[in-house]
N, C-alpha and C. Protein backbone atom coordinates (compact mmCIF):
# COMPACT_ATOMS: atom_id res chain seq x y z
N MET A 1 3.73 -11.23 -23.47
CA MET A 1 3.38 -10.23 -22.49
C MET A 1 4.66 -9.54 -22.02
N LEU A 2 4.49 -8.34 -21.57
CA LEU A 2 5.58 -7.57 -20.99
C LEU A 2 5.32 -7.46 -19.49
N CYS A 3 6.36 -7.15 -18.74
CA CYS A 3 6.22 -6.98 -17.30
C CYS A 3 6.86 -5.66 -16.89
N CYS A 4 6.14 -4.83 -16.16
CA CYS A 4 6.70 -3.59 -15.63
C CYS A 4 7.50 -3.95 -14.38
N THR A 5 8.79 -3.70 -14.41
CA THR A 5 9.64 -4.08 -13.28
C THR A 5 9.43 -3.17 -12.08
N GLN A 6 8.90 -1.99 -12.29
CA GLN A 6 8.64 -1.07 -11.18
C GLN A 6 7.33 -1.43 -10.47
N CYS A 7 6.27 -1.70 -11.22
CA CYS A 7 4.96 -2.01 -10.63
C CYS A 7 4.74 -3.50 -10.43
N ARG A 8 5.54 -4.30 -11.12
CA ARG A 8 5.45 -5.76 -11.05
C ARG A 8 4.08 -6.27 -11.48
N VAL A 9 3.64 -5.77 -12.65
CA VAL A 9 2.38 -6.21 -13.26
C VAL A 9 2.63 -6.55 -14.72
N LEU A 10 1.74 -7.36 -15.29
CA LEU A 10 1.83 -7.69 -16.71
C LEU A 10 1.24 -6.58 -17.55
N LEU A 11 1.79 -6.41 -18.74
CA LEU A 11 1.30 -5.40 -19.66
C LEU A 11 1.10 -6.03 -21.03
N THR A 12 0.13 -5.54 -21.74
CA THR A 12 -0.12 -6.00 -23.11
C THR A 12 0.45 -4.96 -24.06
N ALA A 13 0.42 -5.28 -25.34
CA ALA A 13 0.84 -4.30 -26.35
C ALA A 13 -0.07 -3.07 -26.29
N GLN A 14 -1.33 -3.26 -25.89
CA GLN A 14 -2.28 -2.15 -25.81
C GLN A 14 -2.04 -1.26 -24.59
N THR A 15 -1.60 -1.84 -23.47
CA THR A 15 -1.49 -1.08 -22.23
C THR A 15 -0.09 -0.59 -21.90
N SER A 16 0.93 -1.20 -22.48
CA SER A 16 2.29 -0.92 -22.03
C SER A 16 2.78 0.49 -22.33
N LEU A 17 2.52 1.02 -23.50
CA LEU A 17 3.01 2.36 -23.84
C LEU A 17 2.40 3.40 -22.91
N ILE A 18 1.11 3.31 -22.67
CA ILE A 18 0.44 4.22 -21.75
C ILE A 18 0.99 4.05 -20.35
N HIS A 19 1.20 2.80 -19.94
CA HIS A 19 1.66 2.50 -18.58
C HIS A 19 3.04 3.11 -18.29
N VAL A 20 4.01 2.88 -19.16
CA VAL A 20 5.37 3.36 -18.87
C VAL A 20 5.50 4.87 -18.98
N CYS A 21 4.56 5.52 -19.66
CA CYS A 21 4.59 6.98 -19.78
C CYS A 21 3.77 7.66 -18.69
N ALA A 22 3.21 6.88 -17.79
CA ALA A 22 2.40 7.45 -16.70
C ALA A 22 3.28 8.32 -15.80
N ALA A 23 2.66 9.27 -15.14
CA ALA A 23 3.39 10.22 -14.30
C ALA A 23 4.16 9.54 -13.17
N ALA A 24 3.69 8.41 -12.69
CA ALA A 24 4.34 7.74 -11.56
C ALA A 24 5.67 7.09 -11.96
N HIS A 25 5.92 6.95 -13.24
CA HIS A 25 7.15 6.31 -13.69
C HIS A 25 8.19 7.35 -14.08
N THR A 26 9.43 6.94 -14.01
CA THR A 26 10.52 7.84 -14.33
C THR A 26 10.98 7.67 -15.78
N VAL A 27 10.26 6.88 -16.54
CA VAL A 27 10.62 6.66 -17.95
C VAL A 27 10.22 7.88 -18.76
N PRO A 28 11.15 8.49 -19.46
CA PRO A 28 10.79 9.65 -20.29
C PRO A 28 9.88 9.21 -21.43
N TYR A 29 9.07 10.12 -21.91
CA TYR A 29 8.14 9.81 -22.99
C TYR A 29 8.89 9.27 -24.20
N ALA A 30 8.42 8.15 -24.68
CA ALA A 30 9.06 7.53 -25.85
C ALA A 30 8.80 8.36 -27.10
N ARG A 31 9.82 8.56 -27.91
CA ARG A 31 9.67 9.33 -29.14
C ARG A 31 9.31 8.42 -30.31
N LEU A 32 9.00 7.20 -30.04
CA LEU A 32 8.60 6.24 -31.05
C LEU A 32 7.12 6.44 -31.34
N SER A 33 6.76 6.47 -32.60
CA SER A 33 5.34 6.65 -32.92
C SER A 33 4.55 5.43 -32.45
N GLU A 34 3.30 5.66 -32.16
CA GLU A 34 2.44 4.57 -31.68
C GLU A 34 2.35 3.45 -32.72
N ASP A 35 2.27 3.81 -33.98
CA ASP A 35 2.20 2.79 -35.04
C ASP A 35 3.47 1.94 -35.07
N LYS A 36 4.64 2.59 -34.99
CA LYS A 36 5.90 1.85 -34.99
C LYS A 36 5.99 0.95 -33.76
N TYR A 37 5.56 1.49 -32.63
CA TYR A 37 5.58 0.72 -31.38
C TYR A 37 4.73 -0.55 -31.53
N HIS A 38 3.51 -0.40 -32.05
CA HIS A 38 2.63 -1.56 -32.21
C HIS A 38 3.17 -2.54 -33.26
N ASN A 39 3.88 -2.03 -34.27
CA ASN A 39 4.52 -2.93 -35.24
C ASN A 39 5.61 -3.77 -34.58
N VAL A 40 6.40 -3.14 -33.71
CA VAL A 40 7.45 -3.86 -32.97
C VAL A 40 6.81 -4.92 -32.07
N CYS A 41 5.75 -4.53 -31.35
CA CYS A 41 5.05 -5.49 -30.48
C CYS A 41 4.52 -6.66 -31.30
N ASN A 42 3.98 -6.36 -32.46
CA ASN A 42 3.44 -7.39 -33.34
C ASN A 42 4.54 -8.35 -33.79
N GLU A 43 5.69 -7.79 -34.19
CA GLU A 43 6.83 -8.61 -34.62
C GLU A 43 7.33 -9.51 -33.50
N LEU A 44 7.29 -9.01 -32.27
CA LEU A 44 7.75 -9.78 -31.11
C LEU A 44 6.69 -10.74 -30.59
N GLY A 45 5.48 -10.65 -31.12
CA GLY A 45 4.40 -11.54 -30.68
C GLY A 45 3.84 -11.19 -29.32
N ILE A 46 3.91 -9.92 -28.94
CA ILE A 46 3.37 -9.49 -27.64
C ILE A 46 1.85 -9.41 -27.74
N ARG A 47 1.19 -10.03 -26.81
CA ARG A 47 -0.28 -10.10 -26.82
C ARG A 47 -0.90 -8.71 -26.73
N THR A 48 -2.08 -8.60 -27.30
CA THR A 48 -2.82 -7.33 -27.23
C THR A 48 -3.88 -7.38 -26.13
N ASN A 49 -4.06 -8.54 -25.51
CA ASN A 49 -5.03 -8.65 -24.43
C ASN A 49 -4.47 -9.53 -23.31
N TYR A 50 -5.08 -9.44 -22.15
CA TYR A 50 -4.63 -10.26 -21.02
C TYR A 50 -5.12 -11.69 -21.19
N PRO A 51 -4.40 -12.65 -20.62
CA PRO A 51 -4.86 -14.03 -20.69
C PRO A 51 -6.18 -14.19 -19.93
N THR A 52 -6.98 -15.13 -20.35
CA THR A 52 -8.23 -15.42 -19.66
C THR A 52 -7.94 -16.20 -18.39
N SER A 53 -8.91 -16.27 -17.50
CA SER A 53 -8.73 -17.05 -16.27
C SER A 53 -8.48 -18.52 -16.60
N GLN A 54 -9.07 -19.03 -17.69
CA GLN A 54 -8.83 -20.41 -18.09
C GLN A 54 -7.37 -20.61 -18.53
N GLU A 55 -6.80 -19.63 -19.20
CA GLU A 55 -5.40 -19.72 -19.61
C GLU A 55 -4.46 -19.67 -18.42
N LEU A 56 -4.86 -18.96 -17.37
CA LEU A 56 -4.01 -18.80 -16.19
C LEU A 56 -4.17 -19.93 -15.19
N ASP A 57 -5.27 -20.66 -15.27
CA ASP A 57 -5.57 -21.70 -14.29
C ASP A 57 -4.51 -22.80 -14.31
N GLY A 58 -3.88 -23.00 -13.17
CA GLY A 58 -2.92 -24.08 -13.01
C GLY A 58 -1.52 -23.84 -13.55
N ILE A 59 -1.23 -22.63 -14.05
CA ILE A 59 0.11 -22.38 -14.57
C ILE A 59 1.08 -22.10 -13.43
N GLU A 60 2.35 -22.23 -13.71
CA GLU A 60 3.37 -21.90 -12.71
C GLU A 60 3.45 -20.39 -12.56
N ALA A 61 4.07 -19.95 -11.48
CA ALA A 61 4.21 -18.51 -11.22
C ALA A 61 4.91 -17.83 -12.39
N LEU A 62 4.44 -16.63 -12.72
CA LEU A 62 5.03 -15.86 -13.81
C LEU A 62 6.19 -15.02 -13.28
N SER A 63 7.31 -15.11 -13.93
CA SER A 63 8.51 -14.37 -13.54
C SER A 63 8.25 -12.87 -13.61
N GLY A 64 8.71 -12.16 -12.59
CA GLY A 64 8.59 -10.71 -12.56
C GLY A 64 7.40 -10.20 -11.76
N LEU A 65 6.45 -11.09 -11.45
CA LEU A 65 5.28 -10.68 -10.67
C LEU A 65 5.44 -11.12 -9.22
N ASP A 66 4.95 -10.30 -8.29
CA ASP A 66 4.98 -10.68 -6.88
C ASP A 66 4.14 -11.92 -6.65
N ILE A 67 4.55 -12.72 -5.68
CA ILE A 67 3.77 -13.89 -5.27
C ILE A 67 3.25 -13.63 -3.87
N TYR A 68 1.93 -13.69 -3.73
CA TYR A 68 1.28 -13.53 -2.43
C TYR A 68 0.98 -14.93 -1.91
N THR A 69 1.71 -15.35 -0.88
CA THR A 69 1.60 -16.73 -0.41
C THR A 69 0.44 -16.96 0.55
N MET A 70 -0.19 -15.90 1.02
CA MET A 70 -1.31 -16.03 1.97
C MET A 70 -2.58 -15.41 1.40
N ALA A 71 -2.84 -15.59 0.11
CA ALA A 71 -4.04 -15.04 -0.51
C ALA A 71 -5.27 -15.80 0.00
N LEU A 72 -6.38 -15.09 0.13
CA LEU A 72 -7.63 -15.66 0.63
C LEU A 72 -8.60 -15.85 -0.53
N ILE A 73 -9.37 -16.93 -0.49
CA ILE A 73 -10.31 -17.24 -1.56
C ILE A 73 -11.73 -17.14 -1.03
N CYS A 74 -12.57 -16.37 -1.72
CA CYS A 74 -14.00 -16.34 -1.45
C CYS A 74 -14.66 -17.30 -2.42
N GLU A 75 -15.36 -18.29 -1.88
CA GLU A 75 -15.99 -19.30 -2.72
C GLU A 75 -17.52 -19.25 -2.64
N VAL A 76 -18.06 -18.15 -2.14
CA VAL A 76 -19.50 -18.01 -2.03
C VAL A 76 -20.12 -18.01 -3.43
N ASP A 77 -21.22 -18.70 -3.58
CA ASP A 77 -21.95 -18.79 -4.85
C ASP A 77 -21.11 -19.38 -5.98
N ARG A 78 -20.12 -20.18 -5.63
CA ARG A 78 -19.26 -20.88 -6.61
C ARG A 78 -18.51 -19.94 -7.55
N TYR A 79 -18.42 -18.67 -7.19
CA TYR A 79 -17.67 -17.70 -7.98
C TYR A 79 -16.41 -17.38 -7.20
N LEU A 80 -15.27 -17.87 -7.64
CA LEU A 80 -14.03 -17.71 -6.89
C LEU A 80 -13.46 -16.31 -7.08
N MET A 81 -13.15 -15.67 -5.97
CA MET A 81 -12.45 -14.39 -6.00
C MET A 81 -11.29 -14.48 -5.02
N ILE A 82 -10.19 -13.85 -5.36
CA ILE A 82 -8.97 -13.92 -4.55
C ILE A 82 -8.67 -12.54 -3.98
N PHE A 83 -8.31 -12.52 -2.70
CA PHE A 83 -7.95 -11.27 -2.01
C PHE A 83 -6.65 -11.50 -1.25
N VAL A 84 -5.84 -10.46 -1.13
CA VAL A 84 -4.55 -10.63 -0.47
C VAL A 84 -4.52 -10.06 0.94
N SER A 85 -5.66 -9.61 1.43
CA SER A 85 -5.70 -9.13 2.81
C SER A 85 -7.09 -9.37 3.40
N ARG A 86 -7.14 -9.46 4.70
CA ARG A 86 -8.41 -9.63 5.40
C ARG A 86 -9.31 -8.42 5.16
N GLY A 87 -8.72 -7.23 5.12
CA GLY A 87 -9.49 -6.01 4.88
C GLY A 87 -10.17 -6.02 3.51
N ALA A 88 -9.45 -6.48 2.49
CA ALA A 88 -10.03 -6.57 1.16
C ALA A 88 -11.17 -7.58 1.13
N MET A 89 -11.00 -8.69 1.84
CA MET A 89 -12.05 -9.70 1.93
C MET A 89 -13.27 -9.11 2.64
N GLN A 90 -13.04 -8.34 3.71
CA GLN A 90 -14.14 -7.72 4.46
C GLN A 90 -14.92 -6.76 3.56
N LYS A 91 -14.22 -5.92 2.81
CA LYS A 91 -14.89 -4.99 1.89
C LYS A 91 -15.73 -5.75 0.86
N HIS A 92 -15.17 -6.84 0.35
CA HIS A 92 -15.89 -7.67 -0.61
C HIS A 92 -17.19 -8.19 0.00
N TYR A 93 -17.11 -8.73 1.21
CA TYR A 93 -18.30 -9.25 1.88
C TYR A 93 -19.32 -8.14 2.12
N ASP A 94 -18.85 -6.97 2.53
CA ASP A 94 -19.76 -5.86 2.80
C ASP A 94 -20.56 -5.45 1.57
N VAL A 95 -19.96 -5.57 0.39
CA VAL A 95 -20.62 -5.16 -0.85
C VAL A 95 -21.36 -6.33 -1.51
N MET A 96 -20.68 -7.44 -1.68
CA MET A 96 -21.23 -8.54 -2.47
C MET A 96 -22.09 -9.51 -1.67
N HIS A 97 -21.83 -9.64 -0.39
CA HIS A 97 -22.55 -10.62 0.43
C HIS A 97 -23.19 -9.93 1.64
N LYS A 98 -23.74 -8.77 1.40
CA LYS A 98 -24.34 -7.95 2.46
C LYS A 98 -25.34 -8.78 3.27
N GLY A 99 -25.21 -8.71 4.59
CA GLY A 99 -26.10 -9.43 5.48
C GLY A 99 -25.66 -10.86 5.77
N MET A 100 -24.71 -11.35 5.02
CA MET A 100 -24.21 -12.71 5.23
C MET A 100 -23.07 -12.65 6.24
N SER A 101 -23.04 -13.59 7.17
CA SER A 101 -21.95 -13.63 8.14
C SER A 101 -20.65 -13.95 7.43
N ILE A 102 -19.65 -13.13 7.71
CA ILE A 102 -18.35 -13.36 7.08
C ILE A 102 -17.68 -14.56 7.72
N LEU A 103 -17.09 -15.39 6.89
CA LEU A 103 -16.37 -16.55 7.39
C LEU A 103 -15.15 -16.10 8.18
N THR A 104 -14.76 -16.88 9.15
CA THR A 104 -13.54 -16.56 9.89
C THR A 104 -12.39 -17.45 9.47
N ILE A 105 -12.69 -18.50 8.72
CA ILE A 105 -11.66 -19.39 8.20
C ILE A 105 -11.83 -19.46 6.69
N TRP A 106 -10.76 -19.14 5.95
CA TRP A 106 -10.80 -19.18 4.50
C TRP A 106 -9.73 -20.13 3.98
N HIS A 107 -9.92 -20.58 2.76
CA HIS A 107 -8.86 -21.33 2.10
C HIS A 107 -7.76 -20.34 1.75
N ILE A 108 -6.54 -20.76 1.95
CA ILE A 108 -5.38 -19.91 1.66
C ILE A 108 -4.61 -20.52 0.51
N MET A 109 -4.13 -19.66 -0.39
CA MET A 109 -3.38 -20.12 -1.55
C MET A 109 -2.35 -19.08 -1.94
N SER A 110 -1.49 -19.44 -2.87
CA SER A 110 -0.57 -18.47 -3.46
C SER A 110 -1.25 -17.84 -4.66
N ALA A 111 -0.99 -16.55 -4.89
CA ALA A 111 -1.59 -15.85 -6.01
C ALA A 111 -0.63 -14.80 -6.53
N GLN A 112 -0.90 -14.32 -7.74
CA GLN A 112 -0.15 -13.23 -8.33
C GLN A 112 -1.13 -12.19 -8.84
N ARG A 113 -0.67 -10.94 -8.92
CA ARG A 113 -1.51 -9.85 -9.43
C ARG A 113 -1.23 -9.68 -10.91
N LEU A 114 -2.27 -9.78 -11.71
CA LEU A 114 -2.14 -9.68 -13.16
C LEU A 114 -1.91 -8.25 -13.60
N ASP A 115 -2.70 -7.32 -13.08
CA ASP A 115 -2.58 -5.92 -13.49
C ASP A 115 -2.83 -5.02 -12.29
N ASN A 116 -2.74 -3.74 -12.48
CA ASN A 116 -3.01 -2.82 -11.37
C ASN A 116 -4.18 -1.90 -11.70
N GLY A 117 -5.14 -2.44 -12.43
CA GLY A 117 -6.35 -1.70 -12.73
C GLY A 117 -7.20 -1.54 -11.47
N SER A 118 -8.33 -0.91 -11.61
CA SER A 118 -9.16 -0.62 -10.44
C SER A 118 -9.72 -1.88 -9.79
N TYR A 119 -9.74 -2.99 -10.51
CA TYR A 119 -10.26 -4.22 -9.92
C TYR A 119 -9.17 -5.23 -9.60
N LYS A 120 -7.93 -4.86 -9.67
CA LYS A 120 -6.78 -5.71 -9.35
C LYS A 120 -7.09 -7.20 -9.52
N THR A 121 -6.68 -7.74 -10.61
CA THR A 121 -6.96 -9.14 -10.91
C THR A 121 -5.86 -10.04 -10.35
N TYR A 122 -6.26 -10.94 -9.47
CA TYR A 122 -5.32 -11.92 -8.91
C TYR A 122 -5.63 -13.29 -9.50
N PHE A 123 -4.60 -14.11 -9.64
CA PHE A 123 -4.80 -15.47 -10.12
C PHE A 123 -3.85 -16.40 -9.38
């Protein structure tokens, strides 16, 4: 896996070229062809997909990613979801657990953000 030092997220061989060429980054467009780029990634053994939650379960912190030491865990319906703010947890409850009283005490853990997609995956 690769890590974007500016965004502090993991990147795969599939996502990294698009990511570093995004408008928010100061990296100039790479003049390397996409085929050559993927060949280099293949030679280096860079994954083409993100690790599964089972692969991430119980591993040590990954270098280059932020560590959120006060992450909150929603354990309703035995489906664990991690949030890094009370506001994010509130939004989750409003959508997924509508009508259910929100807990005022949650389990707290350390977590890291895997990517910066629209669903921000924490582990």
